C-alpha cells in the first residue's frame, strides 16, 4: 500500500483511494467544500514528493481557469488517487478557515467520471 506523508505523520492508504478521503480518514484537517467534484479548489494540496504524472481533465480545467491560475502550483486532492507514495501539504484546513466543517464527504468513487490526461508542466 502507498505511504502518504503529511508533515511528521505517515499512514498507509489503499491503492486507488481518493487522496482527499485518505487524508480525512487519517484525521488530517482538509477542506472539501464542493464534495469532491473539482469545482471549488478547497481540497488543494502541495506535493513535496510523489506527484502523479496524470490528472483528470476536470482537475486540469479547474486549475487552468483565468480567474485563479493554479496549474503547476497545487493539485486537487479530490482528483488524485493514492497510487504511489506521496508527501503532501493540505493548503486549506477547517482550523484555519472561517467555516466549521470541511464540507460534504466526497464519494468513494471519483467524481466527475475521470477522463485522464497527462501533467505537462
PDB file of N, CA and C in Angstrom:
ATOM      1  N   UNK A   1       0.834  -1.185   0.000  1.00  0.00           N
ATOM      2  CA  UNK A   1       0.000   0.000   0.000  1.00  0.00           C
ATOM      3  C   UNK A   1       0.878   1.248   0.000  1.00  0.00           C
ATOM      4  N   UNK A   2       0.450   2.268  -0.722  1.00  0.00           N
ATOM      5  CA  UNK A   2       1.208   3.517  -0.733  1.00  0.00           C
ATOM      6  C   UNK A   2       1.272   4.155   0.653  1.00  0.00           C
ATOM      7  N   UNK A   3       2.378   4.845   0.921  1.00  0.00           N
ATOM      8  CA  UNK A   3       2.578   5.586   2.166  1.00  0.00           C
ATOM      9  C   UNK A   3       2.341   7.063   1.863  1.00  0.00           C
ATOM     10  N   UNK A   4       1.446   7.684   2.637  1.00  0.00           N
ATOM     11  CA  UNK A   4       1.162   9.100   2.493  1.00  0.00           C
ATOM     12  C   UNK A   4       1.808   9.813   3.681  1.00  0.00           C
ATOM     13  N   UNK A   5       2.555  10.868   3.397  1.00  0.00           N
ATOM     14  CA  UNK A   5       3.222  11.650   4.434  1.00  0.00           C
ATOM     15  C   UNK A   5       2.646  13.063   4.431  1.00  0.00           C
ATOM     16  N   UNK A   6       2.265  13.515   5.624  1.00  0.00           N
ATOM     17  CA  UNK A   6       1.787  14.885   5.827  1.00  0.00           C
ATOM     18  C   UNK A   6       2.512  15.404   7.056  1.00  0.00           C
ATOM     19  N   UNK A   7       3.480  16.279   6.835  1.00  0.00           N
ATOM     20  CA  UNK A   7       4.296  16.756   7.954  1.00  0.00           C
ATOM     21  C   UNK A   7       5.038  15.591   8.585  1.00  0.00           C
ATOM     22  N   UNK A   8       4.866  15.401   9.902  1.00  0.00           N
ATOM     23  CA  UNK A   8       5.543  14.293  10.584  1.00  0.00           C
ATOM     24  C   UNK A   8       4.644  13.074  10.738  1.00  0.00           C
ATOM     25  N   UNK A   9       3.488  13.084  10.072  1.00  0.00           N
ATOM     26  CA  UNK A   9       2.553  11.954  10.128  1.00  0.00           C
ATOM     27  C   UNK A   9       2.641  11.138   8.849  1.00  0.00           C
ATOM     28  N   UNK A  10       2.679   9.825   9.004  1.00  0.00           N
ATOM     29  CA  UNK A  10       2.671   8.913   7.863  1.00  0.00           C
ATOM     30  C   UNK A  10       1.582   7.871   8.080  1.00  0.00           C
ATOM     31  N   UNK A  11       0.961   7.462   6.988  1.00  0.00           N
ATOM     32  CA  UNK A  11      -0.049   6.413   7.057  1.00  0.00           C
ATOM     33  C   UNK A  11      -0.145   5.720   5.712  1.00  0.00           C
ATOM     34  N   UNK A  12      -0.652   4.498   5.743  1.00  0.00           N
ATOM     35  CA  UNK A  12      -0.868   3.756   4.511  1.00  0.00           C
ATOM     36  C   UNK A  12      -2.253   4.086   3.978  1.00  0.00           C
ATOM     37  N   UNK A  13      -2.364   4.096   2.674  1.00  0.00           N
ATOM     38  CA  UNK A  13      -3.657   4.334   2.024  1.00  0.00           C
ATOM     39  C   UNK A  13      -3.880   3.242   0.991  1.00  0.00           C
ATOM     40  N   UNK A  14      -5.082   2.717   0.931  1.00  0.00           N
ATOM     41  CA  UNK A  14      -5.356   1.708  -0.094  1.00  0.00           C
ATOM     42  C   UNK A  14      -5.112   2.280  -1.489  1.00  0.00           C
ATOM     43  N   UNK A  15      -4.498   1.483  -2.331  1.00  0.00           N
ATOM     44  CA  UNK A  15      -4.268   1.908  -3.716  1.00  0.00           C
ATOM     45  C   UNK A  15      -5.605   2.248  -4.352  1.00  0.00           C
ATOM     46  N   UNK A  16      -5.628   3.298  -5.116  1.00  0.00           N
ATOM     47  CA  UNK A  16      -6.803   3.773  -5.831  1.00  0.00           C
ATOM     48  C   UNK A  16      -7.808   4.539  -4.966  1.00  0.00           C
ATOM     49  N   UNK A  17      -7.518   4.749  -3.671  1.00  0.00           N
ATOM     50  CA  UNK A  17      -8.395   5.575  -2.846  1.00  0.00           C
ATOM     51  C   UNK A  17      -8.160   7.033  -3.201  1.00  0.00           C
ATOM     52  N   UNK A  18      -9.209   7.833  -3.178  1.00  0.00           N
ATOM     53  CA  UNK A  18      -9.061   9.260  -3.435  1.00  0.00           C
ATOM     54  C   UNK A  18      -8.214   9.868  -2.319  1.00  0.00           C
ATOM     55  N   UNK A  19      -7.259  10.698  -2.680  1.00  0.00           N
ATOM     56  CA  UNK A  19      -6.356  11.292  -1.700  1.00  0.00           C
ATOM     57  C   UNK A  19      -7.120  12.087  -0.650  1.00  0.00           C
ATOM     58  N   UNK A  20      -8.126  12.851  -1.037  1.00  0.00           N
ATOM     59  CA  UNK A  20      -8.891  13.635  -0.068  1.00  0.00           C
ATOM     60  C   UNK A  20      -9.489  12.732   1.010  1.00  0.00           C
ATOM     61  N   UNK A  21      -9.979  11.557   0.628  1.00  0.00           N
ATOM     62  CA  UNK A  21     -10.574  10.632   1.600  1.00  0.00           C
ATOM     63  C   UNK A  21      -9.508   9.972   2.460  1.00  0.00           C
ATOM     64  N   UNK A  22      -8.368   9.655   1.868  1.00  0.00           N
ATOM     65  CA  UNK A  22      -7.269   9.076   2.644  1.00  0.00           C
ATOM     66  C   UNK A  22      -6.807  10.059   3.713  1.00  0.00           C
ATOM     67  N   UNK A  23      -6.693  11.323   3.345  1.00  0.00           N
ATOM     68  CA  UNK A  23      -6.291  12.349   4.309  1.00  0.00           C
ATOM     69  C   UNK A  23      -7.323  12.479   5.417  1.00  0.00           C
ATOM     70  N   UNK A  24      -8.572  12.640   5.037  1.00  0.00           N
ATOM     71  CA  UNK A  24      -9.635  12.811   6.030  1.00  0.00           C
ATOM     72  C   UNK A  24      -9.740  11.590   6.947  1.00  0.00           C
ATOM     73  N   UNK A  25      -9.676  10.405   6.382  1.00  0.00           N
ATOM     74  CA  UNK A  25      -9.790   9.185   7.180  1.00  0.00           C
ATOM     75  C   UNK A  25      -8.616   9.003   8.135  1.00  0.00           C
ATOM     76  N   UNK A  26      -7.480   9.623   7.820  1.00  0.00           N
ATOM     77  CA  UNK A  26      -6.311   9.561   8.697  1.00  0.00           C
ATOM     78  C   UNK A  26      -6.330  10.675   9.737  1.00  0.00           C
ATOM     79  N   UNK A  27      -7.397  11.477   9.741  1.00  0.00           N
ATOM     80  CA  UNK A  27      -7.509  12.557  10.716  1.00  0.00           C
ATOM     81  C   UNK A  27      -6.827  13.845  10.312  1.00  0.00           C
ATOM     82  N   UNK A  28      -6.443  13.967   9.043  1.00  0.00           N
ATOM     83  CA  UNK A  28      -5.806  15.187   8.543  1.00  0.00           C
ATOM     84  C   UNK A  28      -6.896  16.215   8.263  1.00  0.00           C
ATOM     85  N   UNK A  29      -6.719  17.413   8.749  1.00  0.00           N
ATOM     86  CA  UNK A  29      -7.665  18.512   8.570  1.00  0.00           C
ATOM     87  C   UNK A  29      -7.522  19.058   7.154  1.00  0.00           C
ATOM     88  N   UNK A  30      -8.552  18.862   6.330  1.00  0.00           N
ATOM     89  CA  UNK A  30      -8.549  19.364   4.955  1.00  0.00           C
ATOM     90  C   UNK A  30      -9.974  19.723   4.555  1.00  0.00           C
ATOM     91  N   UNK A  31     -10.111  20.846   3.877  1.00  0.00           N
ATOM     92  CA  UNK A  31     -11.417  21.255   3.376  1.00  0.00           C
ATOM     93  C   UNK A  31     -11.739  20.528   2.072  1.00  0.00           C
ATOM     94  N   UNK A  32     -13.019  20.408   1.778  1.00  0.00           N
ATOM     95  CA  UNK A  32     -13.515  19.874   0.502  1.00  0.00           C
ATOM     96  C   UNK A  32     -14.960  20.358   0.343  1.00  0.00           C
ATOM     97  N   UNK A  33     -15.117  21.651   0.221  1.00  0.00           N
ATOM     98  CA  UNK A  33     -16.427  22.304   0.281  1.00  0.00           C
ATOM     99  C   UNK A  33     -17.396  21.868  -0.819  1.00  0.00           C
ATOM    100  N   UNK A  34     -16.928  21.492  -2.003  1.00  0.00           N
ATOM    101  CA  UNK A  34     -17.852  21.103  -3.081  1.00  0.00           C
ATOM    102  C   UNK A  34     -18.184  19.619  -3.042  1.00  0.00           C
ATOM    103  N   UNK A  35     -17.608  18.885  -2.109  1.00  0.00           N
ATOM    104  CA  UNK A  35     -17.906  17.461  -2.009  1.00  0.00           C
ATOM    105  C   UNK A  35     -17.126  16.588  -2.967  1.00  0.00           C
ATOM    106  N   UNK A  36     -16.027  17.110  -3.498  1.00  0.00           N
ATOM    107  CA  UNK A  36     -15.149  16.284  -4.330  1.00  0.00           C
ATOM    108  C   UNK A  36     -15.438  16.286  -5.809  1.00  0.00           C
ATOM    109  N   UNK A  37     -16.007  17.369  -6.327  1.00  0.00           N
ATOM    110  CA  UNK A  37     -16.367  17.435  -7.743  1.00  0.00           C
ATOM    111  C   UNK A  37     -15.444  18.318  -8.585  1.00  0.00           C
ATOM    112  N   UNK A  38     -14.286  18.699  -8.066  1.00  0.00           N
ATOM    113  CA  UNK A  38     -13.315  19.535  -8.796  1.00  0.00           C
ATOM    114  C   UNK A  38     -13.904  20.891  -9.151  1.00  0.00           C
ATOM    115  N   UNK A  39     -14.703  21.462  -8.264  1.00  0.00           N
ATOM    116  CA  UNK A  39     -15.329  22.753  -8.544  1.00  0.00           C
ATOM    117  C   UNK A  39     -14.753  23.895  -7.714  1.00  0.00           C
ATOM    118  N   UNK A  40     -14.420  23.638  -6.447  1.00  0.00           N
ATOM    119  CA  UNK A  40     -14.142  24.758  -5.549  1.00  0.00           C
ATOM    120  C   UNK A  40     -12.656  24.983  -5.237  1.00  0.00           C
ATOM    121  N   UNK A  41     -11.825  24.038  -5.391  1.00  0.00           N
ATOM    122  CA  UNK A  41     -10.378  24.053  -5.137  1.00  0.00           C
ATOM    123  C   UNK A  41     -10.005  24.148  -3.657  1.00  0.00           C
ATOM    124  N   UNK A  42     -10.934  23.927  -2.736  1.00  0.00           N
ATOM    125  CA  UNK A  42     -10.577  23.999  -1.312  1.00  0.00           C
ATOM    126  C   UNK A  42      -9.814  22.772  -0.839  1.00  0.00           C
ATOM    127  N   UNK A  43      -9.796  21.708  -1.614  1.00  0.00           N
ATOM    128  CA  UNK A  43      -9.061  20.495  -1.221  1.00  0.00           C
ATOM    129  C   UNK A  43      -7.635  20.506  -1.773  1.00  0.00           C
ATOM    130  N   UNK A  44      -7.115  21.671  -2.060  1.00  0.00           N
ATOM    131  CA  UNK A  44      -5.766  21.803  -2.635  1.00  0.00           C
ATOM    132  C   UNK A  44      -4.701  21.177  -1.747  1.00  0.00           C
ATOM    133  N   UNK A  45      -3.741  20.561  -2.398  1.00  0.00           N
ATOM    134  CA  UNK A  45      -2.545  20.096  -1.708  1.00  0.00           C
ATOM    135  C   UNK A  45      -1.333  20.508  -2.528  1.00  0.00           C
ATOM    136  N   UNK A  46      -0.242  20.722  -1.828  1.00  0.00           N
ATOM    137  CA  UNK A  46       1.048  20.934  -2.472  1.00  0.00           C
ATOM    138  C   UNK A  46       1.828  19.641  -2.316  1.00  0.00           C
ATOM    139  N   UNK A  47       2.479  19.209  -3.373  1.00  0.00           N
ATOM    140  CA  UNK A  47       3.277  17.987  -3.347  1.00  0.00           C
ATOM    141  C   UNK A  47       4.732  18.329  -3.082  1.00  0.00           C
ATOM    142  N   UNK A  48       5.316  17.654  -2.108  1.00  0.00           N
ATOM    143  CA  UNK A  48       6.758  17.733  -1.892  1.00  0.00           C
ATOM    144  C   UNK A  48       7.439  16.594  -2.654  1.00  0.00           C
ATOM    145  N   UNK A  49       6.799  15.425  -2.639  1.00  0.00           N
ATOM    146  CA  UNK A  49       7.331  14.228  -3.298  1.00  0.00           C
ATOM    147  C   UNK A  49       6.155  13.401  -3.805  1.00  0.00           C
ATOM    148  N   UNK A  50       6.322  12.763  -4.940  1.00  0.00           N
ATOM    149  CA  UNK A  50       5.360  11.773  -5.407  1.00  0.00           C
ATOM    150  C   UNK A  50       4.166  12.299  -6.167  1.00  0.00           C
ATOM    151  N   UNK A  51       4.286  13.473  -6.782  1.00  0.00           N
ATOM    152  CA  UNK A  51       3.147  13.984  -7.545  1.00  0.00           C
ATOM    153  C   UNK A  51       2.858  13.073  -8.731  1.00  0.00           C
ATOM    154  N   UNK A  52       1.617  12.624  -8.876  1.00  0.00           N
ATOM    155  CA  UNK A  52       1.260  11.786 -10.027  1.00  0.00           C
ATOM    156  C   UNK A  52       1.461  12.541 -11.346  1.00  0.00           C
ATOM    157  N   UNK A  53       1.817  11.831 -12.372  1.00  0.00           N
ATOM    158  CA  UNK A  53       2.075  12.434 -13.680  1.00  0.00           C
ATOM    159  C   UNK A  53       0.840  12.422 -14.566  1.00  0.00           C
ATOM    160  N   UNK A  54      -0.307  12.069 -13.983  1.00  0.00           N
ATOM    161  CA  UNK A  54      -1.558  12.177 -14.720  1.00  0.00           C
ATOM    162  C   UNK A  54      -2.566  12.895 -13.835  1.00  0.00           C
ATOM    163  N   UNK A  55      -3.568  13.488 -14.497  1.00  0.00           N
ATOM    164  CA  UNK A  55      -4.634  14.171 -13.766  1.00  0.00           C
ATOM    165  C   UNK A  55      -5.905  14.064 -14.577  1.00  0.00           C
ATOM    166  N   UNK A  56      -7.019  14.318 -13.920  1.00  0.00           N
ATOM    167  CA  UNK A  56      -8.281  14.300 -14.647  1.00  0.00           C
ATOM    168  C   UNK A  56      -8.426  15.593 -15.436  1.00  0.00           C
ATOM    169  N   UNK A  57      -9.176  15.520 -16.512  1.00  0.00           N
ATOM    170  CA  UNK A  57      -9.445  16.738 -17.281  1.00  0.00           C
ATOM    171  C   UNK A  57     -10.203  17.745 -16.430  1.00  0.00           C
ATOM    172  N   UNK A  58     -11.078  17.275 -15.535  1.00  0.00           N
ATOM    173  CA  UNK A  58     -11.822  18.188 -14.652  1.00  0.00           C
ATOM    174  C   UNK A  58     -10.855  18.976 -13.777  1.00  0.00           C
ATOM    175  N   UNK A  59      -9.837  18.303 -13.233  1.00  0.00           N
ATOM    176  CA  UNK A  59      -8.848  18.989 -12.404  1.00  0.00           C
ATOM    177  C   UNK A  59      -8.044  19.976 -13.237  1.00  0.00           C
ATOM    178  N   UNK A  60      -7.567  19.528 -14.369  1.00  0.00           N
ATOM    179  CA  UNK A  60      -6.751  20.391 -15.226  1.00  0.00           C
ATOM    180  C   UNK A  60      -7.528  21.640 -15.640  1.00  0.00           C
ATOM    181  N   UNK A  61      -8.779  21.462 -16.046  1.00  0.00           N
ATOM    182  CA  UNK A  61      -9.599  22.607 -16.452  1.00  0.00           C
ATOM    183  C   UNK A  61      -9.802  23.577 -15.291  1.00  0.00           C
ATOM    184  N   UNK A  62     -10.042  23.045 -14.106  1.00  0.00           N
ATOM    185  CA  UNK A  62     -10.283  23.916 -12.940  1.00  0.00           C
ATOM    186  C   UNK A  62      -9.014  24.666 -12.551  1.00  0.00           C
ATOM    187  N   UNK A  63      -7.875  24.008 -12.619  1.00  0.00           N
ATOM    188  CA  UNK A  63      -6.616  24.640 -12.229  1.00  0.00           C
ATOM    189  C   UNK A  63      -6.123  25.653 -13.259  1.00  0.00           C
ATOM    190  N   UNK A  64      -6.617  25.579 -14.481  1.00  0.00           N
ATOM    191  CA  UNK A  64      -6.185  26.495 -15.534  1.00  0.00           C
ATOM    192  C   UNK A  64      -7.136  27.664 -15.751  1.00  0.00           C
ATOM    193  N   UNK A  65      -8.092  27.886 -14.857  1.00  0.00           N
ATOM    194  CA  UNK A  65      -9.028  28.993 -15.040  1.00  0.00           C
ATOM    195  C   UNK A  65      -8.290  30.328 -14.974  1.00  0.00           C
ATOM    196  N   UNK A  66      -8.786  31.287 -15.725  1.00  0.00           N
ATOM    197  CA  UNK A  66      -8.161  32.610 -15.786  1.00  0.00           C
ATOM    198  C   UNK A  66      -8.260  33.375 -14.473  1.00  0.00           C
ATOM    199  N   UNK A  67      -9.351  33.174 -13.738  1.00  0.00           N
ATOM    200  CA  UNK A  67      -9.542  33.932 -12.511  1.00  0.00           C
ATOM    201  C   UNK A  67      -8.606  33.516 -11.389  1.00  0.00           C
ATOM    202  N   UNK A  68      -8.052  32.316 -11.477  1.00  0.00           N
ATOM    203  CA  UNK A  68      -7.213  31.809 -10.397  1.00  0.00           C
ATOM    204  C   UNK A  68      -6.263  30.735 -10.947  1.00  0.00           C
ATOM    205  N   UNK A  69      -5.265  31.119 -11.728  1.00  0.00           N
ATOM    206  CA  UNK A  69      -4.390  30.112 -12.348  1.00  0.00           C
ATOM    207  C   UNK A  69      -3.556  29.362 -11.298  1.00  0.00           C
ATOM    208  N   UNK A  70      -3.860  28.098 -11.118  1.00  0.00           N
ATOM    209  CA  UNK A  70      -3.189  27.276 -10.108  1.00  0.00           C
ATOM    210  C   UNK A  70      -2.419  26.105 -10.721  1.00  0.00           C
ATOM    211  N   UNK A  71      -2.550  25.916 -12.030  1.00  0.00           N
ATOM    212  CA  UNK A  71      -1.912  24.783 -12.703  1.00  0.00           C
ATOM    213  C   UNK A  71      -0.397  24.842 -12.524  1.00  0.00           C
ATOM    214  N   UNK A  72       0.169  23.755 -12.051  1.00  0.00           N
ATOM    215  CA  UNK A  72       1.602  23.686 -11.803  1.00  0.00           C
ATOM    216  C   UNK A  72       1.998  24.114 -10.407  1.00  0.00           C
ATOM    217  N   UNK A  73       1.035  24.582  -9.620  1.00  0.00           N
ATOM    218  CA  UNK A  73       1.319  25.039  -8.256  1.00  0.00           C
ATOM    219  C   UNK A  73       0.740  24.104  -7.205  1.00  0.00           C
ATOM    220  N   UNK A  74      -0.492  23.644  -7.423  1.00  0.00           N
ATOM    221  CA  UNK A  74      -1.183  22.769  -6.481  1.00  0.00           C
ATOM    222  C   UNK A  74      -1.936  21.695  -7.253  1.00  0.00           C
ATOM    223  N   UNK A  75      -2.436  20.721  -6.511  1.00  0.00           N
ATOM    224  CA  UNK A  75      -3.312  19.701  -7.081  1.00  0.00           C
ATOM    225  C   UNK A  75      -4.572  19.635  -6.239  1.00  0.00           C
ATOM    226  N   UNK A  76      -5.646  19.117  -6.815  1.00  0.00           N
ATOM    227  CA  UNK A  76      -6.904  18.920  -6.097  1.00  0.00           C
ATOM    228  C   UNK A  76      -6.932  17.496  -5.569  1.00  0.00           C
ATOM    229  N   UNK A  77      -6.913  17.358  -4.252  1.00  0.00           N
ATOM    230  CA  UNK A  77      -6.826  16.016  -3.656  1.00  0.00           C
ATOM    231  C   UNK A  77      -8.053  15.170  -3.955  1.00  0.00           C
ATOM    232  N   UNK A  78      -9.168  15.802  -4.334  1.00  0.00           N
ATOM    233  CA  UNK A  78     -10.356  15.029  -4.701  1.00  0.00           C
ATOM    234  C   UNK A  78     -10.194  14.361  -6.059  1.00  0.00           C
ATOM    235  N   UNK A  79      -9.194  14.775  -6.823  1.00  0.00           N
ATOM    236  CA  UNK A  79      -8.972  14.238  -8.163  1.00  0.00           C
ATOM    237  C   UNK A  79      -7.683  13.427  -8.269  1.00  0.00           C
ATOM    238  N   UNK A  80      -7.076  13.135  -7.129  1.00  0.00           N
ATOM    239  CA  UNK A  80      -5.827  12.374  -7.090  1.00  0.00           C
ATOM    240  C   UNK A  80      -6.095  11.024  -6.433  1.00  0.00           C
ATOM    241  N   UNK A  81      -5.596   9.974  -7.041  1.00  0.00           N
ATOM    242  CA  UNK A  81      -5.706   8.638  -6.461  1.00  0.00           C
ATOM    243  C   UNK A  81      -4.404   8.272  -5.762  1.00  0.00           C
ATOM    244  N   UNK A  82      -4.512   7.511  -4.706  1.00  0.00           N
ATOM    245  CA  UNK A  82      -3.337   7.065  -3.940  1.00  0.00           C
ATOM    246  C   UNK A  82      -2.706   5.875  -4.655  1.00  0.00           C
ATOM    247  N   UNK A  83      -1.961   6.154  -5.690  1.00  0.00           N
ATOM    248  CA  UNK A  83      -1.347   5.105  -6.498  1.00  0.00           C
ATOM    249  C   UNK A  83       0.126   4.897  -6.185  1.00  0.00           C
ATOM    250  N   UNK A  84       0.704   5.773  -5.370  1.00  0.00           N
ATOM    251  CA  UNK A  84       2.131   5.700  -5.074  1.00  0.00           C
ATOM    252  C   UNK A  84       2.389   6.444  -3.773  1.00  0.00           C
ATOM    253  N   UNK A  85       3.590   6.340  -3.242  1.00  0.00           N
ATOM    254  CA  UNK A  85       3.951   7.102  -2.055  1.00  0.00           C
ATOM    255  C   UNK A  85       3.897   8.591  -2.390  1.00  0.00           C
ATOM    256  N   UNK A  86       3.403   9.387  -1.421  1.00  0.00           N
ATOM    257  CA  UNK A  86       3.254  10.824  -1.634  1.00  0.00           C
ATOM    258  C   UNK A  86       3.574  11.568  -0.352  1.00  0.00           C
ATOM    259  N   UNK A  87       4.138  12.751  -0.493  1.00  0.00           N
ATOM    260  CA  UNK A  87       4.364  13.673   0.614  1.00  0.00           C
ATOM    261  C   UNK A  87       3.635  14.957   0.229  1.00  0.00           C
ATOM    262  N   UNK A  88       2.577  15.284   0.975  1.00  0.00           N
ATOM    263  CA  UNK A  88       1.724  16.412   0.614  1.00  0.00           C
ATOM    264  C   UNK A  88       1.480  17.341   1.800  1.00  0.00           C
ATOM    265  N   UNK A  89       1.079  18.556   1.471  1.00  0.00           N
ATOM    266  CA  UNK A  89       0.676  19.538   2.472  1.00  0.00           C
ATOM    267  C   UNK A  89      -0.686  20.081   2.074  1.00  0.00           C
ATOM    268  N   UNK A  90      -1.713  19.890   2.913  1.00  0.00           N
ATOM    269  CA  UNK A  90      -3.013  20.498   2.625  1.00  0.00           C
ATOM    270  C   UNK A  90      -2.900  22.025   2.713  1.00  0.00           C
ATOM    271  N   UNK A  91      -3.516  22.727   1.788  1.00  0.00           N
ATOM    272  CA  UNK A  91      -3.448  24.183   1.761  1.00  0.00           C
ATOM    273  C   UNK A  91      -4.523  24.798   2.649  1.00  0.00           C
ATOM    274  N   UNK A  92      -5.752  24.298   2.567  1.00  0.00           N
ATOM    275  CA  UNK A  92      -6.854  24.848   3.350  1.00  0.00           C
ATOM    276  C   UNK A  92      -7.332  23.839   4.387  1.00  0.00           C
ATOM    277  N   UNK A  93      -7.491  24.320   5.600  1.00  0.00           N
ATOM    278  CA  UNK A  93      -7.926  23.471   6.706  1.00  0.00           C
ATOM    279  C   UNK A  93      -9.067  24.146   7.454  1.00  0.00           C
ATOM    280  N   UNK A  94      -9.924  23.334   8.073  1.00  0.00           N
ATOM    281  CA  UNK A  94     -11.028  23.866   8.869  1.00  0.00           C
ATOM    282  C   UNK A  94     -10.478  24.746   9.987  1.00  0.00           C
ATOM    283  N   UNK A  95      -9.419  24.290  10.640  1.00  0.00           N
ATOM    284  CA  UNK A  95      -8.859  25.005  11.794  1.00  0.00           C
ATOM    285  C   UNK A  95      -8.411  26.423  11.465  1.00  0.00           C
ATOM    286  N   UNK A  96      -8.042  26.667  10.232  1.00  0.00           N
ATOM    287  CA  UNK A  96      -7.549  27.997   9.861  1.00  0.00           C
ATOM    288  C   UNK A  96      -8.504  28.743   8.926  1.00  0.00           C
ATOM    289  N   UNK A  97      -9.735  28.235   8.810  1.00  0.00           N
ATOM    290  CA  UNK A  97     -10.714  28.869   7.931  1.00  0.00           C
ATOM    291  C   UNK A  97     -11.850  29.464   8.748  1.00  0.00           C
ATOM    292  N   UNK A  98     -12.768  30.069   8.049  1.00  0.00           N
ATOM    293  CA  UNK A  98     -13.922  30.670   8.701  1.00  0.00           C
ATOM    294  C   UNK A  98     -15.127  29.735   8.719  1.00  0.00           C
ATOM    295  N   UNK A  99     -14.972  28.496   8.298  1.00  0.00           N
ATOM    296  CA  UNK A  99     -16.067  27.523   8.304  1.00  0.00           C
ATOM    297  C   UNK A  99     -15.868  26.545   9.449  1.00  0.00           C
ATOM    298  N   UNK A 100     -16.951  25.897   9.843  1.00  0.00           N
ATOM    299  CA  UNK A 100     -16.860  24.990  10.987  1.00  0.00           C
ATOM    300  C   UNK A 100     -16.898  23.510  10.609  1.00  0.00           C
ATOM    301  N   UNK A 101     -16.947  23.206   9.316  1.00  0.00           N
ATOM    302  CA  UNK A 101     -16.866  21.812   8.880  1.00  0.00           C
ATOM    303  C   UNK A 101     -16.203  21.769   7.514  1.00  0.00           C
ATOM    304  N   UNK A 102     -15.623  20.621   7.164  1.00  0.00           N
ATOM    305  CA  UNK A 102     -14.862  20.547   5.918  1.00  0.00           C
ATOM    306  C   UNK A 102     -15.707  20.592   4.657  1.00  0.00           C
ATOM    307  N   UNK A 103     -16.976  20.216   4.753  1.00  0.00           N
ATOM    308  CA  UNK A 103     -17.842  20.110   3.585  1.00  0.00           C
ATOM    309  C   UNK A 103     -18.377  18.701   3.486  1.00  0.00           C
ATOM    310  N   UNK A 104     -19.289  18.479   2.557  1.00  0.00           N
ATOM    311  CA  UNK A 104     -19.869  17.149   2.342  1.00  0.00           C
ATOM    312  C   UNK A 104     -18.762  16.157   1.988  1.00  0.00           C
ATOM    313  N   UNK A 105     -18.818  14.989   2.624  1.00  0.00           N
ATOM    314  CA  UNK A 105     -17.803  13.974   2.342  1.00  0.00           C
ATOM    315  C   UNK A 105     -17.876  13.561   0.872  1.00  0.00           C
ATOM    316  N   UNK A 106     -16.742  13.593   0.180  1.00  0.00           N
ATOM    317  CA  UNK A 106     -16.729  13.139  -1.209  1.00  0.00           C
ATOM    318  C   UNK A 106     -17.083  11.655  -1.310  1.00  0.00           C
ATOM    319  N   UNK A 107     -17.630  11.282  -2.433  1.00  0.00           N
ATOM    320  CA  UNK A 107     -17.977   9.890  -2.686  1.00  0.00           C
ATOM    321  C   UNK A 107     -16.707   9.056  -2.798  1.00  0.00           C
ATOM    322  N   UNK A 108     -16.841   7.754  -2.591  1.00  0.00           N
ATOM    323  CA  UNK A 108     -15.688   6.865  -2.687  1.00  0.00           C
ATOM    324  C   UNK A 108     -15.127   6.812  -4.105  1.00  0.00           C
ATOM    325  N   UNK A 109     -16.008   6.868  -5.100  1.00  0.00           N
ATOM    326  CA  UNK A 109     -15.538   6.840  -6.494  1.00  0.00           C
ATOM    327  C   UNK A 109     -15.287   8.260  -6.986  1.00  0.00           C
ATOM    328  N   UNK A 110     -14.413   8.377  -7.939  1.00  0.00           N
ATOM    329  CA  UNK A 110     -14.018   9.678  -8.484  1.00  0.00           C
ATOM    330  C   UNK A 110     -15.209  10.357  -9.149  1.00  0.00           C
ATOM    331  N   UNK A 111     -15.416  11.622  -8.833  1.00  0.00           N
ATOM    332  CA  UNK A 111     -16.463  12.424  -9.447  1.00  0.00           C
ATOM    333  C   UNK A 111     -15.848  13.736  -9.927  1.00  0.00           C
ATOM    334  N   UNK A 112     -16.224  14.231 -11.102  1.00  0.00           N
ATOM    335  CA  UNK A 112     -16.998  13.513 -12.110  1.00  0.00           C
ATOM    336  C   UNK A 112     -16.204  12.317 -12.647  1.00  0.00           C
ATOM    337  N   UNK A 113     -16.851  11.489 -13.430  1.00  0.00           N
ATOM    338  CA  UNK A 113     -16.189  10.308 -14.001  1.00  0.00           C
ATOM    339  C   UNK A 113     -14.875  10.752 -14.638  1.00  0.00           C
ATOM    340  N   UNK A 114     -13.743  10.142 -14.233  1.00  0.00           N
ATOM    341  CA  UNK A 114     -12.450  10.652 -14.705  1.00  0.00           C
ATOM    342  C   UNK A 114     -12.163  10.386 -16.182  1.00  0.00           C
ATOM    343  N   UNK A 115     -11.671  11.414 -16.821  1.00  0.00           N
ATOM    344  CA  UNK A 115     -11.051  11.316 -18.139  1.00  0.00           C
ATOM    345  C   UNK A 115      -9.620  11.747 -17.884  1.00  0.00           C
ATOM    346  N   UNK A 116      -8.678  10.836 -18.050  1.00  0.00           N
ATOM    347  CA  UNK A 116      -7.298  11.089 -17.654  1.00  0.00           C
ATOM    348  C   UNK A 116      -6.501  11.766 -18.750  1.00  0.00           C
ATOM    349  N   UNK A 117      -5.623  12.667 -18.332  1.00  0.00           N
ATOM    350  CA  UNK A 117      -4.698  13.348 -19.225  1.00  0.00           C
ATOM    351  C   UNK A 117      -3.346  13.422 -18.499  1.00  0.00           C
ATOM    352  N   UNK A 118      -2.309  13.769 -19.210  1.00  0.00           N
ATOM    353  CA  UNK A 118      -1.001  13.832 -18.559  1.00  0.00           C
ATOM    354  C   UNK A 118      -0.717  15.240 -18.047  1.00  0.00           C
ATOM    355  N   UNK A 119       0.103  15.294 -17.026  1.00  0.00           N
ATOM    356  CA  UNK A 119       0.588  16.558 -16.484  1.00  0.00           C
ATOM    357  C   UNK A 119       1.679  17.032 -17.439  1.00  0.00           C
ATOM    358  N   UNK A 120       1.599  18.275 -17.897  1.00  0.00           N
ATOM    359  CA  UNK A 120       2.574  18.750 -18.891  1.00  0.00           C
ATOM    360  C   UNK A 120       3.275  20.029 -18.468  1.00  0.00           C
ATOM    361  N   UNK A 121       3.573  20.149 -17.192  1.00  0.00           N
ATOM    362  CA  UNK A 121       4.352  21.290 -16.729  1.00  0.00           C
ATOM    363  C   UNK A 121       5.673  20.808 -16.190  1.00  0.00           C
TER     364      UNK A 121
END
